[in-house]
Amino acid sequence: MKAGKFDLSRLGKGAVDAVKVSSGGQYLEAVPYVQNFSANYYNKGIFDKFGVAYPKDGMTRDDATDLARKLTRSDGGVQDEHSDCK
């Protein structure tokens, strides 16, 4: 990378950091060539109804599961579809 004067800033920081994780954050083992993006769509009305804070950027899978547990309940005699998160 240094010999070829490759400018890492041309790549997404998240992609570079993800590759560094595999080496314990010490060095870059490879050059990332793709980056996948994810999105979490949610119904704000349900969060508002139950007084639960909206999801935030950077949440882990465990954070999202904990958030789902807070929304898992019976409302008007109807159990929501996320009852398996308990």
PDB file of N, CA and C in Angstrom:
ATOM      1  N   MET A   1       0.835  -1.180   0.000  1.00  0.00           N
ATOM      2  CA  MET A   1       0.000   0.000   0.000  1.00  0.00           C
ATOM      3  C   MET A   1       0.889   1.255   0.000  1.00  0.00           C
ATOM      4  N   LYS A   2       1.895   1.247   0.871  1.00  0.00           N
ATOM      5  CA  LYS A   2       2.777   2.417   0.936  1.00  0.00           C
ATOM      6  C   LYS A   2       3.610   2.538  -0.335  1.00  0.00           C
ATOM      7  N   ALA A   3       4.166   1.412  -0.796  1.00  0.00           N
ATOM      8  CA  ALA A   3       5.012   1.437  -1.994  1.00  0.00           C
ATOM      9  C   ALA A   3       4.224   1.923  -3.209  1.00  0.00           C
ATOM     10  N   GLY A   4       2.966   1.534  -3.300  1.00  0.00           N
ATOM     11  CA  GLY A   4       2.126   1.944  -4.418  1.00  0.00           C
ATOM     12  C   GLY A   4       1.441   3.277  -4.194  1.00  0.00           C
ATOM     13  N   LYS A   5       1.687   3.873  -3.024  1.00  0.00           N
ATOM     14  CA  LYS A   5       1.083   5.158  -2.651  1.00  0.00           C
ATOM     15  C   LYS A   5      -0.433   5.145  -2.822  1.00  0.00           C
ATOM     16  N   PHE A   6      -1.029   4.038  -2.383  1.00  0.00           N
ATOM     17  CA  PHE A   6      -2.482   3.903  -2.469  1.00  0.00           C
ATOM     18  C   PHE A   6      -3.130   4.747  -1.380  1.00  0.00           C
ATOM     19  N   ASP A   7      -4.075   5.559  -1.750  1.00  0.00           N
ATOM     20  CA  ASP A   7      -4.759   6.459  -0.824  1.00  0.00           C
ATOM     21  C   ASP A   7      -5.973   5.742  -0.218  1.00  0.00           C
ATOM     22  N   LEU A   8      -5.826   5.279   1.040  1.00  0.00           N
ATOM     23  CA  LEU A   8      -6.921   4.562   1.701  1.00  0.00           C
ATOM     24  C   LEU A   8      -8.160   5.437   1.897  1.00  0.00           C
ATOM     25  N   SER A   9      -7.995   6.736   1.885  1.00  0.00           N
ATOM     26  CA  SER A   9      -9.157   7.600   2.084  1.00  0.00           C
ATOM     27  C   SER A   9     -10.135   7.506   0.907  1.00  0.00           C
ATOM     28  N   ARG A  10      -9.698   6.886  -0.191  1.00  0.00           N
ATOM     29  CA  ARG A  10     -10.600   6.672  -1.335  1.00  0.00           C
ATOM     30  C   ARG A  10     -11.641   5.594  -1.028  1.00  0.00           C
ATOM     31  N   LEU A  11     -11.354   4.782  -0.020  1.00  0.00           N
ATOM     32  CA  LEU A  11     -12.264   3.704   0.370  1.00  0.00           C
ATOM     33  C   LEU A  11     -13.096   4.155   1.562  1.00  0.00           C
ATOM     34  N   GLY A  12     -14.226   3.534   1.732  1.00  0.00           N
ATOM     35  CA  GLY A  12     -15.067   3.841   2.884  1.00  0.00           C
ATOM     36  C   GLY A  12     -14.382   3.437   4.179  1.00  0.00           C
ATOM     37  N   LYS A  13     -14.386   4.331   5.158  1.00  0.00           N
ATOM     38  CA  LYS A  13     -13.744   4.054   6.443  1.00  0.00           C
ATOM     39  C   LYS A  13     -14.330   2.805   7.092  1.00  0.00           C
ATOM     40  N   GLY A  14     -15.628   2.628   7.005  1.00  0.00           N
ATOM     41  CA  GLY A  14     -16.272   1.456   7.598  1.00  0.00           C
ATOM     42  C   GLY A  14     -15.772   0.156   6.988  1.00  0.00           C
ATOM     43  N   ALA A  15     -15.579   0.159   5.671  1.00  0.00           N
ATOM     44  CA  ALA A  15     -15.094  -1.036   4.991  1.00  0.00           C
ATOM     45  C   ALA A  15     -13.655  -1.341   5.396  1.00  0.00           C
ATOM     46  N   VAL A  16     -12.832  -0.306   5.463  1.00  0.00           N
ATOM     47  CA  VAL A  16     -11.433  -0.495   5.869  1.00  0.00           C
ATOM     48  C   VAL A  16     -11.368  -0.990   7.311  1.00  0.00           C
ATOM     49  N   ASP A  17     -12.147  -0.383   8.193  1.00  0.00           N
ATOM     50  CA  ASP A  17     -12.158  -0.800   9.591  1.00  0.00           C
ATOM     51  C   ASP A  17     -12.630  -2.245   9.744  1.00  0.00           C
ATOM     52  N   ALA A  18     -13.609  -2.654   8.938  1.00  0.00           N
ATOM     53  CA  ALA A  18     -14.107  -4.027   9.010  1.00  0.00           C
ATOM     54  C   ALA A  18     -13.021  -5.024   8.646  1.00  0.00           C
ATOM     55  N   VAL A  19     -12.192  -4.707   7.665  1.00  0.00           N
ATOM     56  CA  VAL A  19     -11.100  -5.597   7.281  1.00  0.00           C
ATOM     57  C   VAL A  19     -10.032  -5.619   8.378  1.00  0.00           C
ATOM     58  N   LYS A  20      -9.778  -4.475   8.993  1.00  0.00           N
ATOM     59  CA  LYS A  20      -8.783  -4.406  10.073  1.00  0.00           C
ATOM     60  C   LYS A  20      -9.191  -5.251  11.278  1.00  0.00           C
ATOM     61  N   VAL A  21     -10.475  -5.382  11.516  1.00  0.00           N
ATOM     62  CA  VAL A  21     -10.962  -6.157  12.656  1.00  0.00           C
ATOM     63  C   VAL A  21     -10.421  -7.585  12.616  1.00  0.00           C
ATOM     64  N   SER A  22     -10.320  -8.148  11.431  1.00  0.00           N
ATOM     65  CA  SER A  22      -9.851  -9.531  11.319  1.00  0.00           C
ATOM     66  C   SER A  22      -8.403  -9.695  11.754  1.00  0.00           C
ATOM     67  N   SER A  23      -7.641  -8.608  11.812  1.00  0.00           N
ATOM     68  CA  SER A  23      -6.254  -8.681  12.286  1.00  0.00           C
ATOM     69  C   SER A  23      -6.128  -8.113  13.691  1.00  0.00           C
ATOM     70  N   GLY A  24      -7.247  -7.948  14.372  1.00  0.00           N
ATOM     71  CA  GLY A  24      -7.211  -7.366  15.697  1.00  0.00           C
ATOM     72  C   GLY A  24      -7.017  -5.861  15.665  1.00  0.00           C
ATOM     73  N   GLY A  25      -7.262  -5.250  14.521  1.00  0.00           N
ATOM     74  CA  GLY A  25      -7.144  -3.804  14.379  1.00  0.00           C
ATOM     75  C   GLY A  25      -5.722  -3.313  14.198  1.00  0.00           C
ATOM     76  N   GLN A  26      -4.785  -4.235  14.030  1.00  0.00           N
ATOM     77  CA  GLN A  26      -3.379  -3.855  13.951  1.00  0.00           C
ATOM     78  C   GLN A  26      -2.931  -3.431  12.552  1.00  0.00           C
ATOM     79  N   TYR A  27      -3.464  -4.068  11.537  1.00  0.00           N
ATOM     80  CA  TYR A  27      -3.036  -3.770  10.167  1.00  0.00           C
ATOM     81  C   TYR A  27      -4.126  -4.182   9.194  1.00  0.00           C
ATOM     82  N   LEU A  28      -3.950  -3.845   7.948  1.00  0.00           N
ATOM     83  CA  LEU A  28      -4.913  -4.146   6.901  1.00  0.00           C
ATOM     84  C   LEU A  28      -4.479  -5.420   6.181  1.00  0.00           C
ATOM     85  N   GLU A  29      -5.250  -6.490   6.343  1.00  0.00           N
ATOM     86  CA  GLU A  29      -4.901  -7.783   5.736  1.00  0.00           C
ATOM     87  C   GLU A  29      -5.253  -7.866   4.261  1.00  0.00           C
ATOM     88  N   ALA A  30      -6.193  -7.070   3.832  1.00  0.00           N
ATOM     89  CA  ALA A  30      -6.673  -7.103   2.448  1.00  0.00           C
ATOM     90  C   ALA A  30      -7.276  -5.749   2.116  1.00  0.00           C
ATOM     91  N   VAL A  31      -7.597  -5.551   0.870  1.00  0.00           N
ATOM     92  CA  VAL A  31      -8.247  -4.317   0.449  1.00  0.00           C
ATOM     93  C   VAL A  31      -9.724  -4.634   0.207  1.00  0.00           C
ATOM     94  N   PRO A  32     -10.614  -3.949   0.917  1.00  0.00           N
ATOM     95  CA  PRO A  32     -12.040  -4.202   0.701  1.00  0.00           C
ATOM     96  C   PRO A  32     -12.458  -3.757  -0.700  1.00  0.00           C
ATOM     97  N   TYR A  33     -13.220  -4.598  -1.376  1.00  0.00           N
ATOM     98  CA  TYR A  33     -13.651  -4.234  -2.728  1.00  0.00           C
ATOM     99  C   TYR A  33     -15.151  -4.018  -2.826  1.00  0.00           C
ATOM    100  N   VAL A  34     -15.882  -4.398  -1.807  1.00  0.00           N
ATOM    101  CA  VAL A  34     -17.319  -4.111  -1.759  1.00  0.00           C
ATOM    102  C   VAL A  34     -17.685  -3.741  -0.328  1.00  0.00           C
ATOM    103  N   GLN A  35     -18.793  -3.069  -0.200  1.00  0.00           N
ATOM    104  CA  GLN A  35     -19.316  -2.769   1.124  1.00  0.00           C
ATOM    105  C   GLN A  35     -20.821  -2.963   1.069  1.00  0.00           C
ATOM    106  N   ASN A  36     -21.333  -3.751   1.989  1.00  0.00           N
ATOM    107  CA  ASN A  36     -22.763  -4.000   2.064  1.00  0.00           C
ATOM    108  C   ASN A  36     -23.395  -3.028   3.052  1.00  0.00           C
ATOM    109  N   PHE A  37     -24.575  -2.594   2.742  1.00  0.00           N
ATOM    110  CA  PHE A  37     -25.299  -1.691   3.609  1.00  0.00           C
ATOM    111  C   PHE A  37     -26.581  -2.378   4.054  1.00  0.00           C
ATOM    112  N   SER A  38     -26.969  -2.083   5.274  1.00  0.00           N
ATOM    113  CA  SER A  38     -28.219  -2.612   5.816  1.00  0.00           C
ATOM    114  C   SER A  38     -29.075  -1.447   6.276  1.00  0.00           C
ATOM    115  N   ALA A  39     -30.345  -1.680   6.311  1.00  0.00           N
ATOM    116  CA  ALA A  39     -31.269  -0.665   6.813  1.00  0.00           C
ATOM    117  C   ALA A  39     -32.285  -1.349   7.713  1.00  0.00           C
ATOM    118  N   ASN A  40     -32.708  -0.645   8.707  1.00  0.00           N
ATOM    119  CA  ASN A  40     -33.717  -1.150   9.626  1.00  0.00           C
ATOM    120  C   ASN A  40     -34.940  -0.246   9.498  1.00  0.00           C
ATOM    121  N   TYR A  41     -36.003  -0.781   8.956  1.00  0.00           N
ATOM    122  CA  TYR A  41     -37.242  -0.034   8.829  1.00  0.00           C
ATOM    123  C   TYR A  41     -38.135  -0.388  10.011  1.00  0.00           C
ATOM    124  N   TYR A  42     -38.760   0.610  10.589  1.00  0.00           N
ATOM    125  CA  TYR A  42     -39.608   0.342  11.744  1.00  0.00           C
ATOM    126  C   TYR A  42     -40.786   1.307  11.751  1.00  0.00           C
ATOM    127  N   ASN A  43     -41.812   0.921  12.483  1.00  0.00           N
ATOM    128  CA  ASN A  43     -43.038   1.704  12.592  1.00  0.00           C
ATOM    129  C   ASN A  43     -42.923   2.606  13.819  1.00  0.00           C
ATOM    130  N   LYS A  44     -42.704   3.908  13.590  1.00  0.00           N
ATOM    131  CA  LYS A  44     -42.551   4.851  14.694  1.00  0.00           C
ATOM    132  C   LYS A  44     -43.777   4.855  15.603  1.00  0.00           C
ATOM    133  N   GLY A  45     -44.936   4.619  15.017  1.00  0.00           N
ATOM    134  CA  GLY A  45     -46.173   4.632  15.792  1.00  0.00           C
ATOM    135  C   GLY A  45     -46.184   3.603  16.906  1.00  0.00           C
ATOM    136  N   ILE A  46     -45.620   2.433  16.630  1.00  0.00           N
ATOM    137  CA  ILE A  46     -45.573   1.382  17.659  1.00  0.00           C
ATOM    138  C   ILE A  46     -44.632   1.793  18.785  1.00  0.00           C
ATOM    139  N   PHE A  47     -43.487   2.360  18.424  1.00  0.00           N
ATOM    140  CA  PHE A  47     -42.549   2.828  19.447  1.00  0.00           C
ATOM    141  C   PHE A  47     -43.184   3.928  20.283  1.00  0.00           C
ATOM    142  N   ASP A  48     -43.867   4.859  19.620  1.00  0.00           N
ATOM    143  CA  ASP A  48     -44.542   5.947  20.332  1.00  0.00           C
ATOM    144  C   ASP A  48     -45.634   5.404  21.248  1.00  0.00           C
ATOM    145  N   LYS A  49     -46.408   4.479  20.743  1.00  0.00           N
ATOM    146  CA  LYS A  49     -47.529   3.920  21.505  1.00  0.00           C
ATOM    147  C   LYS A  49     -47.066   3.290  22.808  1.00  0.00           C
ATOM    148  N   PHE A  50     -45.913   2.594  22.763  1.00  0.00           N
ATOM    149  CA  PHE A  50     -45.435   1.893  23.950  1.00  0.00           C
ATOM    150  C   PHE A  50     -44.331   2.648  24.693  1.00  0.00           C
ATOM    151  N   GLY A  51     -44.039   3.875  24.252  1.00  0.00           N
ATOM    152  CA  GLY A  51     -43.064   4.705  24.961  1.00  0.00           C
ATOM    153  C   GLY A  51     -41.650   4.150  24.926  1.00  0.00           C
ATOM    154  N   VAL A  52     -41.286   3.537  23.799  1.00  0.00           N
ATOM    155  CA  VAL A  52     -39.957   2.957  23.639  1.00  0.00           C
ATOM    156  C   VAL A  52     -39.159   3.836  22.681  1.00  0.00           C
ATOM    157  N   ALA A  53     -37.890   4.111  23.043  1.00  0.00           N
ATOM    158  CA  ALA A  53     -37.029   4.949  22.191  1.00  0.00           C
ATOM    159  C   ALA A  53     -36.803   4.276  20.844  1.00  0.00           C
ATOM    160  N   TYR A  54     -36.678   5.080  19.800  1.00  0.00           N
ATOM    161  CA  TYR A  54     -36.431   4.564  18.454  1.00  0.00           C
ATOM    162  C   TYR A  54     -35.045   3.904  18.377  1.00  0.00           C
ATOM    163  N   PRO A  55     -34.871   2.991  17.420  1.00  0.00           N
ATOM    164  CA  PRO A  55     -33.538   2.412  17.198  1.00  0.00           C
ATOM    165  C   PRO A  55     -32.538   3.506  16.831  1.00  0.00           C
ATOM    166  N   LYS A  56     -31.264   3.268  17.165  1.00  0.00           N
ATOM    167  CA  LYS A  56     -30.215   4.249  16.878  1.00  0.00           C
ATOM    168  C   LYS A  56     -29.151   3.631  15.983  1.00  0.00           C
ATOM    169  N   ASP A  57     -28.437   4.464  15.278  1.00  0.00           N
ATOM    170  CA  ASP A  57     -27.309   3.997  14.466  1.00  0.00           C
ATOM    171  C   ASP A  57     -26.284   3.306  15.359  1.00  0.00           C
ATOM    172  N   GLY A  58     -25.668   2.268  14.821  1.00  0.00           N
ATOM    173  CA  GLY A  58     -24.606   1.576  15.536  1.00  0.00           C
ATOM    174  C   GLY A  58     -25.086   0.499  16.495  1.00  0.00           C
ATOM    175  N   MET A  59     -26.378   0.207  16.498  1.00  0.00           N
ATOM    176  CA  MET A  59     -26.884  -0.833  17.392  1.00  0.00           C
ATOM    177  C   MET A  59     -26.339  -2.191  16.976  1.00  0.00           C
ATOM    178  N   THR A  60     -26.082  -3.029  17.964  1.00  0.00           N
ATOM    179  CA  THR A  60     -25.680  -4.403  17.694  1.00  0.00           C
ATOM    180  C   THR A  60     -26.924  -5.265  17.553  1.00  0.00           C
ATOM    181  N   ARG A  61     -26.722  -6.498  17.153  1.00  0.00           N
ATOM    182  CA  ARG A  61     -27.846  -7.442  17.068  1.00  0.00           C
ATOM    183  C   ARG A  61     -28.478  -7.624  18.443  1.00  0.00           C
ATOM    184  N   ASP A  62     -27.650  -7.694  19.488  1.00  0.00           N
ATOM    185  CA  ASP A  62     -28.169  -7.836  20.846  1.00  0.00           C
ATOM    186  C   ASP A  62     -28.985  -6.613  21.258  1.00  0.00           C
ATOM    187  N   ASP A  63     -28.523  -5.417  20.885  1.00  0.00           N
ATOM    188  CA  ASP A  63     -29.281  -4.196  21.176  1.00  0.00           C
ATOM    189  C   ASP A  63     -30.652  -4.246  20.512  1.00  0.00           C
ATOM    190  N   ALA A  64     -30.688  -4.676  19.263  1.00  0.00           N
ATOM    191  CA  ALA A  64     -31.954  -4.756  18.529  1.00  0.00           C
ATOM    192  C   ALA A  64     -32.885  -5.789  19.151  1.00  0.00           C
ATOM    193  N   THR A  65     -32.322  -6.906  19.600  1.00  0.00           N
ATOM    194  CA  THR A  65     -33.137  -7.942  20.245  1.00  0.00           C
ATOM    195  C   THR A  65     -33.720  -7.418  21.551  1.00  0.00           C
ATOM    196  N   ASP A  66     -32.927  -6.699  22.324  1.00  0.00           N
ATOM    197  CA  ASP A  66     -33.428  -6.104  23.570  1.00  0.00           C
ATOM    198  C   ASP A  66     -34.544  -5.111  23.284  1.00  0.00           C
ATOM    199  N   LEU A  67     -34.384  -4.339  22.231  1.00  0.00           N
ATOM    200  CA  LEU A  67     -35.408  -3.381  21.842  1.00  0.00           C
ATOM    201  C   LEU A  67     -36.701  -4.103  21.446  1.00  0.00           C
ATOM    202  N   ALA A  68     -36.568  -5.201  20.718  1.00  0.00           N
ATOM    203  CA  ALA A  68     -37.743  -5.990  20.320  1.00  0.00           C
ATOM    204  C   ALA A  68     -38.471  -6.537  21.542  1.00  0.00           C
ATOM    205  N   ARG A  69     -37.712  -6.930  22.552  1.00  0.00           N
ATOM    206  CA  ARG A  69     -38.334  -7.443  23.786  1.00  0.00           C
ATOM    207  C   ARG A  69     -39.205  -6.374  24.452  1.00  0.00           C
ATOM    208  N   LYS A  70     -38.756  -5.125  24.397  1.00  0.00           N
ATOM    209  CA  LYS A  70     -39.528  -4.037  25.006  1.00  0.00           C
ATOM    210  C   LYS A  70     -40.843  -3.809  24.278  1.00  0.00           C
ATOM    211  N   LEU A  71     -40.917  -4.202  23.018  1.00  0.00           N
ATOM    212  CA  LEU A  71     -42.131  -4.026  22.229  1.00  0.00           C
ATOM    213  C   LEU A  71     -42.995  -5.283  22.198  1.00  0.00           C
ATOM    214  N   THR A  72     -42.511  -6.355  22.796  1.00  0.00           N
ATOM    215  CA  THR A  72     -43.237  -7.618  22.778  1.00  0.00           C
ATOM    216  C   THR A  72     -44.233  -7.641  23.925  1.00  0.00           C
ATOM    217  N   ARG A  73     -45.496  -7.597  23.567  1.00  0.00           N
ATOM    218  CA  ARG A  73     -46.543  -7.572  24.582  1.00  0.00           C
ATOM    219  C   ARG A  73     -47.895  -7.841  23.938  1.00  0.00           C
ATOM    220  N   SER A  74     -48.864  -8.047  24.780  1.00  0.00           N
ATOM    221  CA  SER A  74     -50.234  -8.201  24.327  1.00  0.00           C
ATOM    222  C   SER A  74     -50.901  -6.836  24.391  1.00  0.00           C
ATOM    223  N   ASP A  75     -51.606  -6.473  23.337  1.00  0.00           N
ATOM    224  CA  ASP A  75     -52.294  -5.188  23.307  1.00  0.00           C
ATOM    225  C   ASP A  75     -53.722  -5.417  22.858  1.00  0.00           C
ATOM    226  N   GLY A  76     -54.659  -5.149  23.724  1.00  0.00           N
ATOM    227  CA  GLY A  76     -56.068  -5.355  23.400  1.00  0.00           C
ATOM    228  C   GLY A  76     -56.387  -6.818  23.156  1.00  0.00           C
ATOM    229  N   GLY A  77     -55.700  -7.703  23.867  1.00  0.00           N
ATOM    230  CA  GLY A  77     -55.935  -9.129  23.728  1.00  0.00           C
ATOM    231  C   GLY A  77     -55.235  -9.759  22.538  1.00  0.00           C
ATOM    232  N   VAL A  78     -54.435  -8.999  21.834  1.00  0.00           N
ATOM    233  CA  VAL A  78     -53.716  -9.515  20.671  1.00  0.00           C
ATOM    234  C   VAL A  78     -52.221  -9.538  20.991  1.00  0.00           C
ATOM    235  N   GLN A  79     -51.624 -10.722  20.884  1.00  0.00           N
ATOM    236  CA  GLN A  79     -50.179 -10.848  21.095  1.00  0.00           C
ATOM    237  C   GLN A  79     -49.474 -10.465  19.807  1.00  0.00           C
ATOM    238  N   ASP A  80     -48.428  -9.640  19.918  1.00  0.00           N
ATOM    239  CA  ASP A  80     -47.721  -9.228  18.704  1.00  0.00           C
ATOM    240  C   ASP A  80     -46.960 -10.399  18.102  1.00  0.00           C
ATOM    241  N   GLU A  81     -46.452 -10.208  16.889  1.00  0.00           N
ATOM    242  CA  GLU A  81     -45.798 -11.280  16.155  1.00  0.00           C
ATOM    243  C   GLU A  81     -44.374 -11.549  16.609  1.00  0.00           C
ATOM    244  N   HIS A  82     -43.838 -10.766  17.553  1.00  0.00           N
ATOM    245  CA  HIS A  82     -42.456 -10.934  18.001  1.00  0.00           C
ATOM    246  C   HIS A  82     -42.372 -11.672  19.329  1.00  0.00           C
ATOM    247  N   SER A  83     -43.367 -12.476  19.632  1.00  0.00           N
ATOM    248  CA  SER A  83     -43.390 -13.157  20.925  1.00  0.00           C
ATOM    249  C   SER A  83     -42.233 -14.137  21.083  1.00  0.00           C
ATOM    250  N   ASP A  84     -41.551 -14.510  19.989  1.00  0.00           N
ATOM    251  CA  ASP A  84     -40.424 -15.433  20.085  1.00  0.00           C
ATOM    252  C   ASP A  84     -39.154 -14.748  20.599  1.00  0.00           C
ATOM    253  N   CYS A  85     -39.177 -13.433  20.813  1.00  0.00           N
ATOM    254  CA  CYS A  85     -37.996 -12.693  21.285  1.00  0.00           C
ATOM    255  C   CYS A  85     -37.843 -12.760  22.795  1.00  0.00           C
ATOM    256  N   LYS A  86     -38.779 -13.380  23.496  1.00  0.00           N
ATOM    257  CA  LYS A  86     -38.740 -13.379  24.961  1.00  0.00           C
ATOM    258  C   LYS A  86     -37.632 -14.183  25.500  1.00  0.00           C
TER     259      LYS A  86
END
